[in-house]
Amino acid sequence: MTKLKLLALGVLIATSATAAQAEGKFTLGAGVGIVEHPYKQYDADVYPVPVVTYEGDNFWFRGLGGGYYLWNDTSDKLSVTAYWAPQYFKPGDSDNNQMRKLDRRQSTMMAGLSYVHNTEYGFLRTTLAGDTLDKSNGITWDVAWLYRYTNGAFTLTPGIGVEWASDNQNEYYYGVTQRESRKSGMRSYDPDSSWNPYLELSANYNFLGDWSVYGLARYTRLSDEITDSPMVDKSWSGLISTGITYSF
């Protein structure tokens, strides 16, 4: 297991599980995560996950992502954000001979705007970001509606959302070039942009004052632009994580 894989998953857990973490200015924790990839004959990965979060009046930090608030009040939070995106493809991790002859697809740093709008009926969460390291030159947009239910020390936050990925983003992670096609024998493929709906559920239980246990699950239904790729043999991708945190 490489350090990059572990840290990248830490970003995903920290940014996705914000609602499940204990309230506080600074939180440290550790857990385990299981990631199901959509790539052909690509095993699920199980990783230890570091969780580090900080919430201030002007700055916030979660995993390897952070931001600076342009607007921050009880109802609305708008920030400039940057984060390390965890998506990648390593040919050697596939058991398929054709897949092992394709090019590697690397993780990248994304940057853009993040916005949260809170109401008594739930909250809107959305992020628009683009690749800054000239890997995919892609753009992604994530928008979700979530509702936080609290009963004593227990908090449950279900949500529904959709991810949009530009054609450049999909081409980099799911496309097969003519050169790769000749090398691997796999048909070439050039996808367009896609919309991928998802369901998310996070839970948090506070005990002994500053200690909490959390759980997170996300199921993403992949669009035809992704599932039609010869690199993909699943119609979905998924994430499950659980761990323990301490808030200072």
Protein backbone atom coordinates (compact mmCIF):
# COMPACT_ATOMS: atom_id res chain seq x y z
CA MET A 1 0.00 0.00 0.00
CA THR A 2 1.44 3.41 -0.92
CA LYS A 3 1.25 6.49 1.29
CA LEU A 4 -0.55 8.31 -1.54
CA LYS A 5 -3.40 5.77 -1.52
CA LEU A 6 -3.81 6.04 2.24
CA LEU A 7 -3.77 9.84 2.26
CA ALA A 8 -6.04 10.12 -0.75
CA LEU A 9 -8.63 7.93 0.95
CA GLY A 10 -8.25 10.13 4.02
CA VAL A 11 -9.31 13.10 1.92
CA LEU A 12 -12.37 11.26 0.66
CA ILE A 13 -13.43 10.19 4.14
CA ALA A 14 -12.85 13.60 5.69
CA THR A 15 -14.65 15.59 3.00
CA SER A 16 -17.54 13.15 2.67
CA ALA A 17 -18.06 12.44 6.35
CA THR A 18 -18.07 16.00 7.63
CA ALA A 19 -21.60 15.66 8.96
CA ALA A 20 -20.64 12.49 10.82
CA GLN A 21 -17.71 13.98 12.70
CA ALA A 22 -17.97 15.36 16.19
CA GLU A 23 -18.61 19.08 16.48
CA GLY A 24 -15.50 21.00 17.47
CA LYS A 25 -12.71 23.25 16.31
CA PHE A 26 -10.11 20.52 15.91
CA THR A 27 -10.65 16.76 15.51
CA LEU A 28 -8.22 13.87 15.23
CA GLY A 29 -9.14 10.27 14.53
CA ALA A 30 -8.45 7.01 12.79
CA GLY A 31 -10.52 4.35 11.10
CA VAL A 32 -10.74 1.90 8.25
CA GLY A 33 -12.21 2.36 4.78
CA ILE A 34 -13.32 -0.01 2.01
CA VAL A 35 -13.45 1.34 -1.56
CA GLU A 36 -15.11 -0.57 -4.41
CA HIS A 37 -13.68 0.53 -7.77
CA PRO A 38 -15.65 0.27 -11.04
CA TYR A 39 -12.62 -0.85 -13.08
CA LYS A 40 -12.58 -4.30 -14.66
CA GLN A 41 -11.26 -7.10 -12.40
CA TYR A 42 -10.12 -4.53 -9.86
CA ASP A 43 -10.37 -5.73 -6.26
CA ALA A 44 -11.88 -3.64 -3.48
CA ASP A 45 -9.27 -1.83 -1.38
CA VAL A 46 -9.18 -1.83 2.42
CA TYR A 47 -7.13 0.98 3.97
CA PRO A 48 -6.43 2.52 7.38
CA VAL A 49 -7.76 6.08 7.34
CA PRO A 50 -6.38 9.12 9.22
CA VAL A 51 -9.02 11.75 10.02
CA VAL A 52 -7.90 15.34 10.68
CA THR A 53 -10.37 18.24 10.66
CA TYR A 54 -10.28 21.89 11.72
CA GLU A 55 -13.11 24.40 11.60
CA GLY A 56 -12.35 28.10 12.16
CA ASP A 57 -14.05 31.40 11.48
CA ASN A 58 -11.95 32.05 8.35
CA PHE A 59 -10.33 28.73 7.45
CA TRP A 60 -11.29 25.04 7.42
CA PHE A 61 -9.27 21.90 6.83
CA ARG A 62 -10.39 18.28 6.32
CA GLY A 63 -7.92 15.55 5.42
CA LEU A 64 -5.80 16.98 2.57
CA GLY A 65 -8.48 19.49 1.60
CA GLY A 66 -9.08 22.96 2.92
CA GLY A 67 -10.63 26.29 2.20
CA TYR A 68 -10.92 29.98 3.00
CA TYR A 69 -14.35 31.40 3.75
CA LEU A 70 -15.56 34.23 1.54
CA TRP A 71 -18.85 34.19 3.48
CA ASN A 72 -19.52 32.40 6.76
CA ASP A 73 -22.66 32.67 8.84
CA THR A 74 -25.25 30.32 10.31
CA SER A 75 -27.21 29.93 7.06
CA ASP A 76 -24.59 30.24 4.31
CA LYS A 77 -20.96 29.25 3.95
CA LEU A 78 -19.08 30.07 0.72
CA SER A 79 -15.39 29.25 0.42
CA VAL A 80 -12.50 28.95 -1.98
CA THR A 81 -11.34 25.35 -1.71
CA ALA A 82 -8.56 23.03 -2.82
CA TYR A 83 -8.28 19.29 -2.23
CA TRP A 84 -6.42 16.20 -3.39
CA ALA A 85 -8.84 14.11 -5.47
CA PRO A 86 -8.49 10.37 -4.68
CA GLN A 87 -9.45 8.93 -8.07
CA TYR A 88 -6.73 6.90 -9.81
CA PHE A 89 -6.11 3.80 -11.92
CA LYS A 90 -3.05 1.57 -11.52
CA PRO A 91 -2.80 -1.06 -14.30
CA GLY A 92 -0.96 -3.54 -12.10
CA ASP A 93 -3.88 -3.64 -9.66
CA SER A 94 -6.15 -5.26 -12.27
CA ASP A 95 -6.19 -9.00 -12.94
CA ASN A 96 -7.20 -8.39 -16.57
CA ASN A 97 -4.34 -8.72 -19.09
CA GLN A 98 -5.72 -5.98 -21.37
CA MET A 99 -6.19 -3.58 -18.46
CA ARG A 100 -2.60 -4.14 -17.36
CA LYS A 101 -1.39 -2.73 -20.71
CA LEU A 102 -3.20 0.60 -20.33
CA ASP A 103 -1.67 3.85 -19.10
CA ARG A 104 -1.73 4.78 -15.44
CA ARG A 105 -4.26 7.47 -14.39
CA GLN A 106 -3.05 9.62 -11.52
CA SER A 107 -4.73 11.49 -8.68
CA THR A 108 -4.66 15.28 -8.87
CA MET A 109 -5.20 18.52 -6.97
CA MET A 110 -8.60 20.11 -7.56
CA ALA A 111 -9.50 23.72 -6.74
CA GLY A 112 -12.69 25.76 -6.95
CA LEU A 113 -15.65 26.96 -4.89
CA SER A 114 -17.63 25.22 -2.15
CA TYR A 115 -21.02 26.33 -0.80
CA VAL A 116 -23.29 25.14 2.03
CA HIS A 117 -26.80 26.49 2.68
CA ASN A 118 -28.49 25.46 5.94
CA THR A 119 -32.28 25.40 6.49
CA GLU A 120 -34.59 23.83 9.07
CA TYR A 121 -35.40 21.12 6.49
CA GLY A 122 -31.80 20.13 5.80
CA PHE A 123 -28.81 21.60 4.01
CA LEU A 124 -27.48 22.00 0.47
CA ARG A 125 -23.84 21.06 -0.15
CA THR A 126 -22.14 21.79 -3.47
CA THR A 127 -18.60 22.04 -4.86
CA LEU A 128 -17.40 23.10 -8.31
CA ALA A 129 -13.72 22.36 -8.96
CA GLY A 130 -11.18 21.86 -11.72
CA ASP A 131 -7.88 19.99 -12.13
CA THR A 132 -4.88 22.20 -11.34
CA LEU A 133 -2.01 19.80 -12.13
CA ASP A 134 -2.65 19.18 -15.84
CA LYS A 135 -3.58 15.53 -15.29
CA SER A 136 -7.16 15.34 -16.61
CA ASN A 137 -7.80 19.05 -17.24
CA GLY A 138 -11.29 18.11 -16.12
CA ILE A 139 -14.03 19.81 -14.13
CA THR A 140 -16.36 18.25 -11.56
CA TRP A 141 -19.51 19.51 -9.87
CA ASP A 142 -21.04 17.83 -6.84
CA VAL A 143 -24.42 18.88 -5.41
CA ALA A 144 -26.35 17.14 -2.62
CA TRP A 145 -29.21 17.67 -0.20
CA LEU A 146 -28.79 16.21 3.28
CA TYR A 147 -30.81 16.16 6.48
CA ARG A 148 -29.20 15.91 9.91
CA TYR A 149 -31.24 14.10 12.57
CA THR A 150 -30.01 14.34 16.19
CA ASN A 151 -31.26 12.36 19.16
CA GLY A 152 -29.13 12.97 22.22
CA ALA A 153 -25.58 11.85 21.48
CA PHE A 154 -26.55 10.16 18.21
CA THR A 155 -26.56 11.97 14.84
CA LEU A 156 -27.76 10.45 11.56
CA THR A 157 -27.35 12.29 8.25
CA PRO A 158 -28.85 10.75 5.09
CA GLY A 159 -28.38 12.52 1.77
CA ILE A 160 -28.96 12.29 -1.96
CA GLY A 161 -26.80 13.94 -4.59
CA VAL A 162 -25.35 13.88 -8.06
CA GLU A 163 -21.83 14.22 -9.44
CA TRP A 164 -21.18 15.82 -12.83
CA ALA A 165 -17.88 15.14 -14.58
CA SER A 166 -16.72 16.90 -17.74
CA ASP A 167 -15.71 15.00 -20.88
CA ASN A 168 -12.02 15.67 -20.15
CA GLN A 169 -12.43 14.17 -16.69
CA ASN A 170 -14.10 11.03 -17.99
CA GLU A 171 -11.70 10.71 -20.93
CA TYR A 172 -8.71 10.68 -18.60
CA TYR A 173 -10.08 8.13 -16.11
CA TYR A 174 -12.26 5.97 -18.39
CA GLY A 175 -11.17 6.61 -21.98
CA VAL A 176 -9.00 4.35 -24.12
CA THR A 177 -6.79 6.05 -26.72
CA GLN A 178 -6.01 4.62 -30.16
CA ARG A 179 -2.45 3.95 -28.99
CA GLU A 180 -3.69 2.08 -25.92
CA SER A 181 -6.14 0.17 -28.10
CA ARG A 182 -3.36 -1.04 -30.43
CA LYS A 183 -1.19 -1.99 -27.45
CA SER A 184 -3.83 -3.80 -25.39
CA GLY A 185 -6.31 -5.08 -27.96
CA MET A 186 -9.08 -3.25 -26.11
CA ARG A 187 -11.43 -1.12 -28.22
CA SER A 188 -10.82 2.64 -28.14
CA TYR A 189 -13.30 4.78 -26.24
CA ASP A 190 -13.85 8.54 -25.92
CA PRO A 191 -16.60 9.37 -23.38
CA ASP A 192 -18.60 12.58 -23.03
CA SER A 193 -19.59 14.29 -19.77
CA SER A 194 -21.67 12.36 -17.25
CA TRP A 195 -24.16 12.68 -14.37
CA ASN A 196 -23.72 10.12 -11.58
CA PRO A 197 -26.38 10.10 -8.82
CA TYR A 198 -25.49 8.86 -5.35
CA LEU A 199 -26.92 8.06 -1.92
CA GLU A 200 -24.99 8.90 1.22
CA LEU A 201 -25.50 8.02 4.89
CA SER A 202 -23.33 9.07 7.81
CA ALA A 203 -23.75 8.44 11.52
CA ASN A 204 -21.97 9.71 14.61
CA TYR A 205 -22.25 8.72 18.27
CA ASN A 206 -20.64 10.89 20.95
CA PHE A 207 -19.46 9.24 24.16
CA LEU A 208 -17.25 10.21 27.09
CA GLY A 209 -17.55 13.89 26.23
CA ASP A 210 -15.07 14.46 23.40
CA TRP A 211 -14.87 10.96 21.92
CA SER A 212 -17.04 9.84 19.00
CA VAL A 213 -17.44 6.85 16.72
CA TYR A 214 -18.54 7.43 13.11
CA GLY A 215 -19.70 5.49 10.11
CA LEU A 216 -20.11 6.51 6.48
CA ALA A 217 -21.46 4.80 3.38
CA ARG A 218 -21.85 6.11 -0.15
CA TYR A 219 -23.31 4.34 -3.20
CA THR A 220 -22.82 5.95 -6.61
CA ARG A 221 -24.74 4.81 -9.69
CA LEU A 222 -22.54 5.31 -12.74
CA SER A 223 -23.88 6.81 -15.96
CA ASP A 224 -23.74 5.11 -19.36
CA GLU A 225 -20.77 7.29 -20.36
CA ILE A 226 -18.73 5.49 -17.70
CA THR A 227 -20.25 1.99 -17.80
CA ASP A 228 -19.85 1.85 -21.60
CA SER A 229 -16.08 2.12 -21.15
CA PRO A 230 -14.20 -1.14 -21.85
CA MET A 231 -12.25 -0.38 -18.65
CA VAL A 232 -15.37 -0.76 -16.50
CA ASP A 233 -17.31 -3.88 -15.51
CA LYS A 234 -19.59 -2.45 -12.78
CA SER A 235 -22.58 -0.12 -12.84
CA TRP A 236 -21.68 1.42 -9.48
CA SER A 237 -18.91 2.41 -7.11
CA GLY A 238 -19.01 2.45 -3.33
CA LEU A 239 -17.37 3.49 -0.10
CA ILE A 240 -17.78 2.34 3.50
CA SER A 241 -15.79 3.70 6.44
CA THR A 242 -15.89 3.57 10.22
CA GLY A 243 -13.62 4.89 12.93
CA ILE A 244 -13.15 6.86 16.12
CA THR A 245 -12.40 10.57 16.64
CA TYR A 246 -11.45 12.95 19.47
CA SER A 247 -12.41 16.64 19.46
CA PHE A 248 -10.29 19.24 21.20
